[in-house]
Amino acid sequence: MNYRIKGFVPVPNKAIRLVLQGVGNRFDYFYDYLWQPQEPRQTRLVLIGRELEQVRIESLVLEKEVNATIQ
């Protein structure tokens, strides 16, 4: 399945945004700049593709966020 992903992810104990982007099975990630005070520190991802399972994707992302916060 071909798809694209791009967005930002907050990393616990980091003041810098993590950028995530990918096409197919190739992913890249890097830190770009400090979160701005007015910016909500939340995962924001855009996925483009066919037959994406929205509920499953959302639950997996939320599960990872909760586990990262607990650790």
PDB file of N, CA and C in Angstrom:
ATOM      1  N   MET A   1       0.845  -1.171   0.000  1.00  0.00           N
ATOM      2  CA  MET A   1       0.000   0.000   0.000  1.00  0.00           C
ATOM      3  C   MET A   1       0.893   1.239   0.000  1.00  0.00           C
ATOM      4  N   ASN A   2       0.589   2.166  -0.864  1.00  0.00           N
ATOM      5  CA  ASN A   2       1.330   3.421  -0.892  1.00  0.00           C
ATOM      6  C   ASN A   2       0.589   4.478  -0.100  1.00  0.00           C
ATOM      7  N   TYR A   3       1.312   5.175   0.723  1.00  0.00           N
ATOM      8  CA  TYR A   3       0.718   6.252   1.496  1.00  0.00           C
ATOM      9  C   TYR A   3       1.799   7.246   1.873  1.00  0.00           C
ATOM     10  N   ARG A   4       1.335   8.387   2.368  1.00  0.00           N
ATOM     11  CA  ARG A   4       2.243   9.436   2.828  1.00  0.00           C
ATOM     12  C   ARG A   4       1.845   9.829   4.235  1.00  0.00           C
ATOM     13  N   ILE A   5       2.836  10.243   5.004  1.00  0.00           N
ATOM     14  CA  ILE A   5       2.579  10.731   6.363  1.00  0.00           C
ATOM     15  C   ILE A   5       3.491  11.933   6.603  1.00  0.00           C
ATOM     16  N   LYS A   6       2.938  12.929   7.282  1.00  0.00           N
ATOM     17  CA  LYS A   6       3.738  14.090   7.655  1.00  0.00           C
ATOM     18  C   LYS A   6       3.099  14.720   8.875  1.00  0.00           C
ATOM     19  N   GLY A   7       3.933  15.194   9.775  1.00  0.00           N
ATOM     20  CA  GLY A   7       3.387  15.869  10.938  1.00  0.00           C
ATOM     21  C   GLY A   7       4.417  16.092  12.019  1.00  0.00           C
ATOM     22  N   PHE A   8       3.899  16.457  13.193  1.00  0.00           N
ATOM     23  CA  PHE A   8       4.733  16.797  14.334  1.00  0.00           C
ATOM     24  C   PHE A   8       4.345  15.923  15.516  1.00  0.00           C
ATOM     25  N   VAL A   9       5.343  15.588  16.320  1.00  0.00           N
ATOM     26  CA  VAL A   9       5.125  14.742  17.484  1.00  0.00           C
ATOM     27  C   VAL A   9       5.858  15.359  18.678  1.00  0.00           C
ATOM     28  N   PRO A  10       5.154  15.534  19.817  1.00  0.00           N
ATOM     29  CA  PRO A  10       5.857  15.985  21.010  1.00  0.00           C
ATOM     30  C   PRO A  10       6.577  14.803  21.658  1.00  0.00           C
ATOM     31  N   VAL A  11       7.804  14.998  22.027  1.00  0.00           N
ATOM     32  CA  VAL A  11       8.584  13.955  22.690  1.00  0.00           C
ATOM     33  C   VAL A  11       8.726  14.355  24.156  1.00  0.00           C
ATOM     34  N   PRO A  12       8.371  13.449  25.075  1.00  0.00           N
ATOM     35  CA  PRO A  12       8.475  13.799  26.500  1.00  0.00           C
ATOM     36  C   PRO A  12       9.884  14.303  26.857  1.00  0.00           C
ATOM     37  N   ASN A  13       9.923  15.342  27.653  1.00  0.00           N
ATOM     38  CA  ASN A  13      11.165  15.950  28.143  1.00  0.00           C
ATOM     39  C   ASN A  13      12.010  16.602  27.049  1.00  0.00           C
ATOM     40  N   LYS A  14      11.405  16.912  25.903  1.00  0.00           N
ATOM     41  CA  LYS A  14      12.099  17.631  24.827  1.00  0.00           C
ATOM     42  C   LYS A  14      11.304  18.892  24.519  1.00  0.00           C
ATOM     43  N   ALA A  15      11.990  20.003  24.385  1.00  0.00           N
ATOM     44  CA  ALA A  15      11.335  21.271  24.072  1.00  0.00           C
ATOM     45  C   ALA A  15      11.277  21.525  22.570  1.00  0.00           C
ATOM     46  N   ILE A  16      11.792  20.579  21.786  1.00  0.00           N
ATOM     47  CA  ILE A  16      11.887  20.737  20.335  1.00  0.00           C
ATOM     48  C   ILE A  16      10.893  19.807  19.652  1.00  0.00           C
ATOM     49  N   ARG A  17      10.242  20.295  18.590  1.00  0.00           N
ATOM     50  CA  ARG A  17       9.283  19.476  17.845  1.00  0.00           C
ATOM     51  C   ARG A  17       9.997  18.392  17.039  1.00  0.00           C
ATOM     52  N   LEU A  18       9.419  17.221  17.032  1.00  0.00           N
ATOM     53  CA  LEU A  18       9.904  16.138  16.184  1.00  0.00           C
ATOM     54  C   LEU A  18       9.042  16.123  14.932  1.00  0.00           C
ATOM     55  N   VAL A  19       9.669  16.243  13.783  1.00  0.00           N
ATOM     56  CA  VAL A  19       8.973  16.185  12.502  1.00  0.00           C
ATOM     57  C   VAL A  19       9.073  14.757  11.995  1.00  0.00           C
ATOM     58  N   LEU A  20       7.945  14.226  11.568  1.00  0.00           N
ATOM     59  CA  LEU A  20       7.895  12.877  11.014  1.00  0.00           C
ATOM     60  C   LEU A  20       7.330  12.981   9.615  1.00  0.00           C
ATOM     61  N   GLN A  21       8.000  12.340   8.656  1.00  0.00           N
ATOM     62  CA  GLN A  21       7.474  12.301   7.294  1.00  0.00           C
ATOM     63  C   GLN A  21       7.888  11.001   6.642  1.00  0.00           C
ATOM     64  N   GLY A  22       7.045  10.532   5.761  1.00  0.00           N
ATOM     65  CA  GLY A  22       7.357   9.275   5.111  1.00  0.00           C
ATOM     66  C   GLY A  22       6.524   9.057   3.866  1.00  0.00           C
ATOM     67  N   VAL A  23       7.044   8.209   3.006  1.00  0.00           N
ATOM     68  CA  VAL A  23       6.353   7.777   1.793  1.00  0.00           C
ATOM     69  C   VAL A  23       6.559   6.277   1.690  1.00  0.00           C
ATOM     70  N   GLY A  24       5.452   5.535   1.602  1.00  0.00           N
ATOM     71  CA  GLY A  24       5.566   4.079   1.529  1.00  0.00           C
ATOM     72  C   GLY A  24       6.212   3.550   2.793  1.00  0.00           C
ATOM     73  N   ASN A  25       7.297   2.814   2.632  1.00  0.00           N
ATOM     74  CA  ASN A  25       7.985   2.269   3.810  1.00  0.00           C
ATOM     75  C   ASN A  25       9.258   3.041   4.150  1.00  0.00           C
ATOM     76  N   ARG A  26       9.426   4.226   3.576  1.00  0.00           N
ATOM     77  CA  ARG A  26      10.599   5.062   3.880  1.00  0.00           C
ATOM     78  C   ARG A  26      10.178   6.225   4.763  1.00  0.00           C
ATOM     79  N   PHE A  27      10.818   6.324   5.921  1.00  0.00           N
ATOM     80  CA  PHE A  27      10.479   7.355   6.891  1.00  0.00           C
ATOM     81  C   PHE A  27      11.697   8.194   7.212  1.00  0.00           C
ATOM     82  N   ASP A  28      11.431   9.431   7.555  1.00  0.00           N
ATOM     83  CA  ASP A  28      12.484  10.336   7.984  1.00  0.00           C
ATOM     84  C   ASP A  28      11.936  11.112   9.172  1.00  0.00           C
ATOM     85  N   TYR A  29      12.788  11.425  10.112  1.00  0.00           N
ATOM     86  CA  TYR A  29      12.375  12.241  11.246  1.00  0.00           C
ATOM     87  C   TYR A  29      13.553  13.076  11.694  1.00  0.00           C
ATOM     88  N   PHE A  30      13.240  14.251  12.210  1.00  0.00           N
ATOM     89  CA  PHE A  30      14.262  15.172  12.681  1.00  0.00           C
ATOM     90  C   PHE A  30      13.601  16.197  13.595  1.00  0.00           C
ATOM     91  N   TYR A  31      14.406  16.855  14.407  1.00  0.00           N
ATOM     92  CA  TYR A  31      13.912  17.940  15.250  1.00  0.00           C
ATOM     93  C   TYR A  31      14.083  19.239  14.483  1.00  0.00           C
ATOM     94  N   ASP A  32      13.037  20.087  14.504  1.00  0.00           N
ATOM     95  CA  ASP A  32      13.169  21.317  13.737  1.00  0.00           C
ATOM     96  C   ASP A  32      13.312  22.566  14.605  1.00  0.00           C
ATOM     97  N   TYR A  33      12.363  22.902  15.465  1.00  0.00           N
ATOM     98  CA  TYR A  33      12.526  24.090  16.305  1.00  0.00           C
ATOM     99  C   TYR A  33      11.757  23.936  17.603  1.00  0.00           C
ATOM    100  N   LEU A  34      12.004  24.844  18.522  1.00  0.00           N
ATOM    101  CA  LEU A  34      11.338  24.810  19.819  1.00  0.00           C
ATOM    102  C   LEU A  34       9.832  24.996  19.650  1.00  0.00           C
ATOM    103  N   TRP A  35       9.075  24.262  20.468  1.00  0.00           N
ATOM    104  CA  TRP A  35       7.640  24.490  20.502  1.00  0.00           C
ATOM    105  C   TRP A  35       7.416  25.934  20.932  1.00  0.00           C
ATOM    106  N   GLN A  36       6.538  26.611  20.261  1.00  0.00           N
ATOM    107  CA  GLN A  36       6.196  27.984  20.605  1.00  0.00           C
ATOM    108  C   GLN A  36       5.207  27.977  21.773  1.00  0.00           C
ATOM    109  N   PRO A  37       5.253  28.998  22.641  1.00  0.00           N
ATOM    110  CA  PRO A  37       4.368  29.023  23.811  1.00  0.00           C
ATOM    111  C   PRO A  37       2.878  28.889  23.454  1.00  0.00           C
ATOM    112  N   GLN A  38       2.453  29.457  22.330  1.00  0.00           N
ATOM    113  CA  GLN A  38       1.047  29.411  21.946  1.00  0.00           C
ATOM    114  C   GLN A  38       0.675  28.119  21.206  1.00  0.00           C
ATOM    115  N   GLU A  39       1.658  27.298  20.878  1.00  0.00           N
ATOM    116  CA  GLU A  39       1.421  26.056  20.135  1.00  0.00           C
ATOM    117  C   GLU A  39       1.016  24.925  21.070  1.00  0.00           C
ATOM    118  N   PRO A  40      -0.084  24.244  20.783  1.00  0.00           N
ATOM    119  CA  PRO A  40      -0.419  23.084  21.617  1.00  0.00           C
ATOM    120  C   PRO A  40       0.581  21.951  21.361  1.00  0.00           C
ATOM    121  N   ARG A  41       1.119  21.376  22.432  1.00  0.00           N
ATOM    122  CA  ARG A  41       2.093  20.288  22.287  1.00  0.00           C
ATOM    123  C   ARG A  41       1.323  18.986  22.142  1.00  0.00           C
ATOM    124  N   GLN A  42       0.947  18.703  20.902  1.00  0.00           N
ATOM    125  CA  GLN A  42       0.175  17.506  20.622  1.00  0.00           C
ATOM    126  C   GLN A  42       0.624  16.905  19.301  1.00  0.00           C
ATOM    127  N   THR A  43       0.388  15.631  19.153  1.00  0.00           N
ATOM    128  CA  THR A  43       0.696  14.957  17.896  1.00  0.00           C
ATOM    129  C   THR A  43      -0.285  15.440  16.839  1.00  0.00           C
ATOM    130  N   ARG A  44       0.264  15.858  15.718  1.00  0.00           N
ATOM    131  CA  ARG A  44      -0.552  16.279  14.576  1.00  0.00           C
ATOM    132  C   ARG A  44       0.027  15.612  13.339  1.00  0.00           C
ATOM    133  N   LEU A  45      -0.697  14.650  12.813  1.00  0.00           N
ATOM    134  CA  LEU A  45      -0.235  13.901  11.655  1.00  0.00           C
ATOM    135  C   LEU A  45      -1.272  13.956  10.543  1.00  0.00           C
ATOM    136  N   VAL A  46      -0.782  13.997   9.318  1.00  0.00           N
ATOM    137  CA  VAL A  46      -1.639  13.897   8.144  1.00  0.00           C
ATOM    138  C   VAL A  46      -1.208  12.635   7.415  1.00  0.00           C
ATOM    139  N   LEU A  47      -2.162  11.756   7.165  1.00  0.00           N
ATOM    140  CA  LEU A  47      -1.902  10.526   6.412  1.00  0.00           C
ATOM    141  C   LEU A  47      -2.722  10.571   5.143  1.00  0.00           C
ATOM    142  N   ILE A  48      -2.097  10.243   4.034  1.00  0.00           N
ATOM    143  CA  ILE A  48      -2.765  10.215   2.747  1.00  0.00           C
ATOM    144  C   ILE A  48      -2.571   8.829   2.172  1.00  0.00           C
ATOM    145  N   GLY A  49      -3.660   8.175   1.834  1.00  0.00           N
ATOM    146  CA  GLY A  49      -3.563   6.846   1.251  1.00  0.00           C
ATOM    147  C   GLY A  49      -4.939   6.257   1.050  1.00  0.00           C
ATOM    148  N   ARG A  50      -4.965   5.074   0.513  1.00  0.00           N
ATOM    149  CA  ARG A  50      -6.229   4.380   0.271  1.00  0.00           C
ATOM    150  C   ARG A  50      -6.450   3.334   1.348  1.00  0.00           C
ATOM    151  N   GLU A  51      -7.712   3.175   1.703  1.00  0.00           N
ATOM    152  CA  GLU A  51      -8.127   2.140   2.634  1.00  0.00           C
ATOM    153  C   GLU A  51      -7.415   2.233   3.996  1.00  0.00           C
ATOM    154  N   LEU A  52      -7.151   3.455   4.444  1.00  0.00           N
ATOM    155  CA  LEU A  52      -6.564   3.650   5.766  1.00  0.00           C
ATOM    156  C   LEU A  52      -7.643   3.411   6.816  1.00  0.00           C
ATOM    157  N   GLU A  53      -7.293   2.737   7.883  1.00  0.00           N
ATOM    158  CA  GLU A  53      -8.238   2.430   8.949  1.00  0.00           C
ATOM    159  C   GLU A  53      -8.123   3.509  10.021  1.00  0.00           C
ATOM    160  N   GLN A  54      -8.961   4.543   9.908  1.00  0.00           N
ATOM    161  CA  GLN A  54      -8.855   5.711  10.771  1.00  0.00           C
ATOM    162  C   GLN A  54      -8.937   5.360  12.256  1.00  0.00           C
ATOM    163  N   VAL A  55      -9.906   4.569  12.645  1.00  0.00           N
ATOM    164  CA  VAL A  55     -10.077   4.243  14.067  1.00  0.00           C
ATOM    165  C   VAL A  55      -8.862   3.497  14.594  1.00  0.00           C
ATOM    166  N   ARG A  56      -8.352   2.554  13.835  1.00  0.00           N
ATOM    167  CA  ARG A  56      -7.178   1.785  14.270  1.00  0.00           C
ATOM    168  C   ARG A  56      -5.943   2.680  14.386  1.00  0.00           C
ATOM    169  N   ILE A  57      -5.742   3.545  13.417  1.00  0.00           N
ATOM    170  CA  ILE A  57      -4.591   4.451  13.433  1.00  0.00           C
ATOM    171  C   ILE A  57      -4.677   5.380  14.643  1.00  0.00           C
ATOM    172  N   GLU A  58      -5.852   5.960  14.863  1.00  0.00           N
ATOM    173  CA  GLU A  58      -6.020   6.860  16.008  1.00  0.00           C
ATOM    174  C   GLU A  58      -5.762   6.139  17.324  1.00  0.00           C
ATOM    175  N   SER A  59      -6.254   4.916  17.471  1.00  0.00           N
ATOM    176  CA  SER A  59      -6.047   4.195  18.726  1.00  0.00           C
ATOM    177  C   SER A  59      -4.583   3.851  18.933  1.00  0.00           C
ATOM    178  N   LEU A  60      -3.866   3.507  17.872  1.00  0.00           N
ATOM    179  CA  LEU A  60      -2.439   3.205  17.998  1.00  0.00           C
ATOM    180  C   LEU A  60      -1.643   4.446  18.390  1.00  0.00           C
ATOM    181  N   VAL A  61      -1.959   5.588  17.780  1.00  0.00           N
ATOM    182  CA  VAL A  61      -1.257   6.832  18.108  1.00  0.00           C
ATOM    183  C   VAL A  61      -1.544   7.219  19.551  1.00  0.00           C
ATOM    184  N   LEU A  62      -2.812   7.154  19.967  1.00  0.00           N
ATOM    185  CA  LEU A  62      -3.163   7.502  21.340  1.00  0.00           C
ATOM    186  C   LEU A  62      -2.505   6.555  22.337  1.00  0.00           C
ATOM    187  N   GLU A  63      -2.445   5.279  22.016  1.00  0.00           N
ATOM    188  CA  GLU A  63      -1.795   4.301  22.899  1.00  0.00           C
ATOM    189  C   GLU A  63      -0.320   4.640  23.078  1.00  0.00           C
ATOM    190  N   LYS A  64       0.360   4.993  22.003  1.00  0.00           N
ATOM    191  CA  LYS A  64       1.781   5.354  22.083  1.00  0.00           C
ATOM    192  C   LYS A  64       1.966   6.617  22.909  1.00  0.00           C
ATOM    193  N   GLU A  65       1.067   7.596  22.736  1.00  0.00           N
ATOM    194  CA  GLU A  65       1.180   8.838  23.504  1.00  0.00           C
ATOM    195  C   GLU A  65       1.002   8.578  24.992  1.00  0.00           C
ATOM    196  N   VAL A  66       0.043   7.754  25.358  1.00  0.00           N
ATOM    197  CA  VAL A  66      -0.206   7.451  26.753  1.00  0.00           C
ATOM    198  C   VAL A  66       0.994   6.713  27.339  1.00  0.00           C
ATOM    199  N   ASN A  67       1.525   5.728  26.634  1.00  0.00           N
ATOM    200  CA  ASN A  67       2.689   4.983  27.121  1.00  0.00           C
ATOM    201  C   ASN A  67       3.901   5.880  27.277  1.00  0.00           C
ATOM    202  N   ALA A  68       4.111   6.815  26.363  1.00  0.00           N
ATOM    203  CA  ALA A  68       5.252   7.733  26.450  1.00  0.00           C
ATOM    204  C   ALA A  68       5.100   8.673  27.649  1.00  0.00           C
ATOM    205  N   THR A  69       3.870   9.092  27.927  1.00  0.00           N
ATOM    206  CA  THR A  69       3.634   9.984  29.058  1.00  0.00           C
ATOM    207  C   THR A  69       3.866   9.280  30.381  1.00  0.00           C
ATOM    208  N   ILE A  70       3.473   8.008  30.463  1.00  0.00           N
ATOM    209  CA  ILE A  70       3.612   7.240  31.698  1.00  0.00           C
ATOM    210  C   ILE A  70       5.068   6.959  32.002  1.00  0.00           C
ATOM    211  N   GLN A  71       5.869   6.708  30.994  1.00  0.00           N
ATOM    212  CA  GLN A  71       7.279   6.350  31.204  1.00  0.00           C
ATOM    213  C   GLN A  71       8.048   7.512  31.619  1.00  0.00           C
TER     214      GLN A  71
END
